[in-house]
PDB file of N, CA and C in Angstrom:
ATOM      1  N   UNK A   1      27.704  16.338 -35.209  1.00  0.00           N
ATOM      2  CA  UNK A   1      28.354  15.689 -35.423  1.00  0.00           C
ATOM      3  C   UNK A   1      27.772  14.276 -36.424  1.00  0.00           C
ATOM      4  N   UNK A   2      28.552  13.958 -37.052  1.00  0.00           N
ATOM      5  CA  UNK A   2      28.428  13.069 -38.106  1.00  0.00           C
ATOM      6  C   UNK A   2      29.455  11.830 -37.784  1.00  0.00           C
ATOM      7  N   UNK A   3      28.916  10.635 -38.056  1.00  0.00           N
ATOM      8  CA  UNK A   3      29.853   9.354 -38.144  1.00  0.00           C
ATOM      9  C   UNK A   3      29.348   8.518 -39.597  1.00  0.00           C
ATOM     10  N   UNK A   4      30.382   7.519 -39.787  1.00  0.00           N
ATOM     11  CA  UNK A   4      29.840   6.979 -41.220  1.00  0.00           C
ATOM     12  C   UNK A   4      31.087   7.044 -42.070  1.00  0.00           C
ATOM     13  N   UNK A   5      31.315   6.351 -42.821  1.00  0.00           N
ATOM     14  CA  UNK A   5      32.703   6.433 -44.302  1.00  0.00           C
ATOM     15  C   UNK A   5      32.225   7.506 -45.167  1.00  0.00           C
ATOM     16  N   UNK A   6      31.393   8.396 -45.292  1.00  0.00           N
ATOM     17  CA  UNK A   6      31.084   9.420 -45.949  1.00  0.00           C
ATOM     18  C   UNK A   6      29.456  10.496 -45.024  1.00  0.00           C
ATOM     19  N   UNK A   7      30.204  10.545 -43.243  1.00  0.00           N
ATOM     20  CA  UNK A   7      29.695  11.548 -42.323  1.00  0.00           C
ATOM     21  C   UNK A   7      28.332  11.328 -42.616  1.00  0.00           C
ATOM     22  N   UNK A   8      27.445  10.453 -43.215  1.00  0.00           N
ATOM     23  CA  UNK A   8      25.701  10.649 -43.694  1.00  0.00           C
ATOM     24  C   UNK A   8      24.664  10.187 -42.519  1.00  0.00           C
ATOM     25  N   UNK A   9      25.979   9.901 -40.927  1.00  0.00           N
ATOM     26  CA  UNK A   9      24.869   9.497 -40.036  1.00  0.00           C
ATOM     27  C   UNK A   9      25.198  10.523 -39.297  1.00  0.00           C
ATOM     28  N   UNK A  10      24.076  11.276 -38.815  1.00  0.00           N
ATOM     29  CA  UNK A  10      24.024  12.201 -37.454  1.00  0.00           C
ATOM     30  C   UNK A  10      24.144  11.478 -36.295  1.00  0.00           C
ATOM     31  N   UNK A  11      25.495  11.757 -35.139  1.00  0.00           N
ATOM     32  CA  UNK A  11      25.464  10.966 -33.974  1.00  0.00           C
ATOM     33  C   UNK A  11      24.260  11.504 -33.423  1.00  0.00           C
ATOM     34  N   UNK A  12      23.351  10.485 -32.486  1.00  0.00           N
ATOM     35  CA  UNK A  12      22.571  10.649 -31.651  1.00  0.00           C
ATOM     36  C   UNK A  12      22.904  11.109 -30.024  1.00  0.00           C
ATOM     37  N   UNK A  13      23.784  11.194 -29.889  1.00  0.00           N
ATOM     38  CA  UNK A  13      24.906  11.129 -28.599  1.00  0.00           C
ATOM     39  C   UNK A  13      25.355  12.473 -28.396  1.00  0.00           C
ATOM     40  N   UNK A  14      25.323  13.010 -27.182  1.00  0.00           N
ATOM     41  CA  UNK A  14      26.087  14.368 -26.976  1.00  0.00           C
ATOM     42  C   UNK A  14      27.646  13.429 -26.687  1.00  0.00           C
ATOM     43  N   UNK A  15      28.879  14.439 -27.043  1.00  0.00           N
ATOM     44  CA  UNK A  15      29.771  14.709 -26.487  1.00  0.00           C
ATOM     45  C   UNK A  15      30.533  15.780 -25.600  1.00  0.00           C
ATOM     46  N   UNK A  16      31.337  15.647 -25.131  1.00  0.00           N
ATOM     47  CA  UNK A  16      32.268  16.977 -24.886  1.00  0.00           C
ATOM     48  C   UNK A  16      32.039  18.093 -25.722  1.00  0.00           C
ATOM     49  N   UNK A  17      32.050  17.939 -26.735  1.00  0.00           N
ATOM     50  CA  UNK A  17      32.573  18.846 -28.142  1.00  0.00           C
ATOM     51  C   UNK A  17      31.507  19.032 -28.649  1.00  0.00           C
ATOM     52  N   UNK A  18      30.148  18.458 -28.668  1.00  0.00           N
ATOM     53  CA  UNK A  18      28.786  19.080 -29.789  1.00  0.00           C
ATOM     54  C   UNK A  18      28.867  20.236 -29.558  1.00  0.00           C
ATOM     55  N   UNK A  19      28.672  20.954 -28.361  1.00  0.00           N
ATOM     56  CA  UNK A  19      28.340  22.176 -28.345  1.00  0.00           C
ATOM     57  C   UNK A  19      29.071  23.179 -27.944  1.00  0.00           C
ATOM     58  N   UNK A  20      29.686  24.363 -28.386  1.00  0.00           N
ATOM     59  CA  UNK A  20      30.643  25.199 -28.270  1.00  0.00           C
ATOM     60  C   UNK A  20      30.460  25.958 -27.563  1.00  0.00           C
ATOM     61  N   UNK A  21      31.437  26.744 -27.169  1.00  0.00           N
ATOM     62  CA  UNK A  21      31.090  27.855 -26.136  1.00  0.00           C
ATOM     63  C   UNK A  21      30.179  27.788 -24.820  1.00  0.00           C
ATOM     64  N   UNK A  22      30.661  27.105 -24.200  1.00  0.00           N
ATOM     65  CA  UNK A  22      29.801  26.550 -22.987  1.00  0.00           C
ATOM     66  C   UNK A  22      28.260  25.692 -23.154  1.00  0.00           C
ATOM     67  N   UNK A  23      28.005  25.737 -24.417  1.00  0.00           N
ATOM     68  CA  UNK A  23      26.578  25.165 -24.710  1.00  0.00           C
ATOM     69  C   UNK A  23      26.002  24.186 -23.690  1.00  0.00           C
ATOM     70  N   UNK A  24      24.869  23.565 -23.152  1.00  0.00           N
ATOM     71  CA  UNK A  24      24.818  22.503 -23.222  1.00  0.00           C
ATOM     72  C   UNK A  24      23.935  21.734 -24.269  1.00  0.00           C
ATOM     73  N   UNK A  25      24.470  20.496 -24.143  1.00  0.00           N
ATOM     74  CA  UNK A  25      24.314  19.140 -25.165  1.00  0.00           C
ATOM     75  C   UNK A  25      23.152  18.713 -24.149  1.00  0.00           C
ATOM     76  N   UNK A  26      21.547  18.778 -24.791  1.00  0.00           N
ATOM     77  CA  UNK A  26      20.170  17.582 -24.542  1.00  0.00           C
ATOM     78  C   UNK A  26      20.180  16.718 -25.715  1.00  0.00           C
ATOM     79  N   UNK A  27      20.298  15.541 -25.226  1.00  0.00           N
ATOM     80  CA  UNK A  27      19.588  14.279 -26.499  1.00  0.00           C
ATOM     81  C   UNK A  27      18.214  14.701 -26.264  1.00  0.00           C
ATOM     82  N   UNK A  28      17.626  14.539 -28.071  1.00  0.00           N
ATOM     83  CA  UNK A  28      15.893  14.920 -27.654  1.00  0.00           C
ATOM     84  C   UNK A  28      15.320  13.721 -27.260  1.00  0.00           C
ATOM     85  N   UNK A  29      14.136  13.712 -26.696  1.00  0.00           N
ATOM     86  CA  UNK A  29      12.889  13.102 -26.380  1.00  0.00           C
ATOM     87  C   UNK A  29      12.643  11.854 -27.451  1.00  0.00           C
ATOM     88  N   UNK A  30      12.663  12.199 -28.248  1.00  0.00           N
ATOM     89  CA  UNK A  30      12.806  11.069 -29.347  1.00  0.00           C
ATOM     90  C   UNK A  30      13.635  10.534 -29.634  1.00  0.00           C
ATOM     91  N   UNK A  31      14.449  10.255 -28.921  1.00  0.00           N
ATOM     92  CA  UNK A  31      16.378   9.764 -29.461  1.00  0.00           C
ATOM     93  C   UNK A  31      16.598   9.672 -31.037  1.00  0.00           C
ATOM     94  N   UNK A  32      16.296  10.761 -31.209  1.00  0.00           N
ATOM     95  CA  UNK A  32      16.988  10.763 -33.001  1.00  0.00           C
ATOM     96  C   UNK A  32      17.864  11.768 -32.804  1.00  0.00           C
ATOM     97  N   UNK A  33      18.639  12.591 -31.665  1.00  0.00           N
ATOM     98  CA  UNK A  33      19.697  13.221 -31.842  1.00  0.00           C
ATOM     99  C   UNK A  33      19.562  13.556 -30.567  1.00  0.00           C
ATOM    100  N   UNK A  34      20.109  15.480 -30.764  1.00  0.00           N
ATOM    101  CA  UNK A  34      20.258  15.980 -29.929  1.00  0.00           C
ATOM    102  C   UNK A  34      20.513  17.716 -30.303  1.00  0.00           C
ATOM    103  N   UNK A  35      20.132  18.535 -28.972  1.00  0.00           N
ATOM    104  CA  UNK A  35      19.968  20.047 -29.485  1.00  0.00           C
ATOM    105  C   UNK A  35      21.489  20.791 -28.452  1.00  0.00           C
ATOM    106  N   UNK A  36      21.509  22.087 -29.024  1.00  0.00           N
ATOM    107  CA  UNK A  36      22.534  22.328 -27.563  1.00  0.00           C
ATOM    108  C   UNK A  36      22.046  23.472 -27.335  1.00  0.00           C
ATOM    109  N   UNK A  37      21.654  23.864 -26.313  1.00  0.00           N
ATOM    110  CA  UNK A  37      20.922  25.076 -25.396  1.00  0.00           C
ATOM    111  C   UNK A  37      22.272  26.081 -25.435  1.00  0.00           C
ATOM    112  N   UNK A  38      21.791  27.312 -25.871  1.00  0.00           N
ATOM    113  CA  UNK A  38      23.142  27.819 -26.077  1.00  0.00           C
ATOM    114  C   UNK A  38      23.448  28.966 -24.929  1.00  0.00           C
ATOM    115  N   UNK A  39      24.609  29.775 -24.139  1.00  0.00           N
ATOM    116  CA  UNK A  39      24.654  30.581 -23.732  1.00  0.00           C
ATOM    117  C   UNK A  39      24.193  31.908 -24.405  1.00  0.00           C
ATOM    118  N   UNK A  40      23.746  33.021 -23.356  1.00  0.00           N
ATOM    119  CA  UNK A  40      23.130  33.873 -24.272  1.00  0.00           C
ATOM    120  C   UNK A  40      23.391  34.766 -25.299  1.00  0.00           C
ATOM    121  N   UNK A  41      25.150  34.337 -24.970  1.00  0.00           N
ATOM    122  CA  UNK A  41      25.783  35.365 -26.488  1.00  0.00           C
ATOM    123  C   UNK A  41      25.859  34.683 -27.503  1.00  0.00           C
ATOM    124  N   UNK A  42      25.677  33.363 -27.596  1.00  0.00           N
ATOM    125  CA  UNK A  42      25.795  32.595 -28.643  1.00  0.00           C
ATOM    126  C   UNK A  42      24.322  32.262 -28.785  1.00  0.00           C
ATOM    127  N   UNK A  43      24.928  31.907 -30.427  1.00  0.00           N
ATOM    128  CA  UNK A  43      23.423  31.422 -31.246  1.00  0.00           C
ATOM    129  C   UNK A  43      24.052  30.239 -32.672  1.00  0.00           C
ATOM    130  N   UNK A  44      23.028  29.216 -33.119  1.00  0.00           N
ATOM    131  CA  UNK A  44      23.333  28.275 -34.108  1.00  0.00           C
ATOM    132  C   UNK A  44      23.385  26.884 -33.401  1.00  0.00           C
ATOM    133  N   UNK A  45      23.207  25.904 -34.645  1.00  0.00           N
ATOM    134  CA  UNK A  45      22.804  24.857 -33.757  1.00  0.00           C
ATOM    135  C   UNK A  45      24.187  24.210 -32.743  1.00  0.00           C
ATOM    136  N   UNK A  46      25.213  24.099 -32.837  1.00  0.00           N
ATOM    137  CA  UNK A  46      26.129  24.176 -32.125  1.00  0.00           C
ATOM    138  C   UNK A  46      26.797  25.124 -31.163  1.00  0.00           C
ATOM    139  N   UNK A  47      25.993  26.438 -30.850  1.00  0.00           N
ATOM    140  CA  UNK A  47      26.430  27.427 -30.513  1.00  0.00           C
ATOM    141  C   UNK A  47      27.584  28.282 -31.047  1.00  0.00           C
ATOM    142  N   UNK A  48      28.063  27.916 -32.400  1.00  0.00           N
ATOM    143  CA  UNK A  48      29.081  28.573 -32.259  1.00  0.00           C
ATOM    144  C   UNK A  48      29.345  29.946 -33.056  1.00  0.00           C
ATOM    145  N   UNK A  49      28.311  30.844 -32.948  1.00  0.00           N
ATOM    146  CA  UNK A  49      28.115  31.864 -33.763  1.00  0.00           C
ATOM    147  C   UNK A  49      27.789  32.616 -32.598  1.00  0.00           C
ATOM    148  N   UNK A  50      28.957  33.953 -32.274  1.00  0.00           N
ATOM    149  CA  UNK A  50      28.280  35.185 -31.205  1.00  0.00           C
ATOM    150  C   UNK A  50      27.446  35.792 -31.543  1.00  0.00           C
ATOM    151  N   UNK A  51      26.530  36.276 -31.101  1.00  0.00           N
ATOM    152  CA  UNK A  51      26.016  37.549 -31.262  1.00  0.00           C
ATOM    153  C   UNK A  51      26.585  38.759 -30.791  1.00  0.00           C
ATOM    154  N   UNK A  52      25.968  39.526 -31.917  1.00  0.00           N
ATOM    155  CA  UNK A  52      26.686  40.881 -32.060  1.00  0.00           C
ATOM    156  C   UNK A  52      26.185  41.752 -30.015  1.00  0.00           C
ATOM    157  N   UNK A  53      27.181  42.298 -29.940  1.00  0.00           N
ATOM    158  CA  UNK A  53      27.512  42.932 -28.139  1.00  0.00           C
ATOM    159  C   UNK A  53      26.240  43.711 -28.596  1.00  0.00           C
ATOM    160  N   UNK A  54      25.668  44.799 -29.586  1.00  0.00           N
ATOM    161  CA  UNK A  54      24.540  45.727 -29.942  1.00  0.00           C
ATOM    162  C   UNK A  54      22.972  44.939 -29.395  1.00  0.00           C
ATOM    163  N   UNK A  55      23.100  43.664 -30.536  1.00  0.00           N
ATOM    164  CA  UNK A  55      22.032  43.041 -30.360  1.00  0.00           C
ATOM    165  C   UNK A  55      21.735  42.370 -28.701  1.00  0.00           C
ATOM    166  N   UNK A  56      22.720  42.014 -27.878  1.00  0.00           N
ATOM    167  CA  UNK A  56      22.529  41.713 -26.735  1.00  0.00           C
ATOM    168  C   UNK A  56      22.083  42.504 -25.877  1.00  0.00           C
ATOM    169  N   UNK A  57      22.621  43.785 -26.144  1.00  0.00           N
ATOM    170  CA  UNK A  57      22.041  45.518 -25.490  1.00  0.00           C
ATOM    171  C   UNK A  57      20.470  45.734 -25.599  1.00  0.00           C
ATOM    172  N   UNK A  58      20.471  44.946 -26.866  1.00  0.00           N
ATOM    173  CA  UNK A  58      18.485  45.517 -27.103  1.00  0.00           C
ATOM    174  C   UNK A  58      17.610  44.571 -26.310  1.00  0.00           C
ATOM    175  N   UNK A  59      18.198  42.893 -26.004  1.00  0.00           N
ATOM    176  CA  UNK A  59      17.305  42.359 -25.396  1.00  0.00           C
ATOM    177  C   UNK A  59      17.014  42.700 -23.970  1.00  0.00           C
TER     178      UNK A  59
END
């Protein structure tokens, strides 16, 4: 998520909508931002992309 007049500043805090699909938002240890820990069937920086069922079955 971004803030600022032109969405030029990345938010450094988690909000309830930061990570999609029940992903867990964690603040980075350097305080510079956050990262999402996705459920096994999702990927992407915000857990927004579903992983194909065929790929999951191969893990």
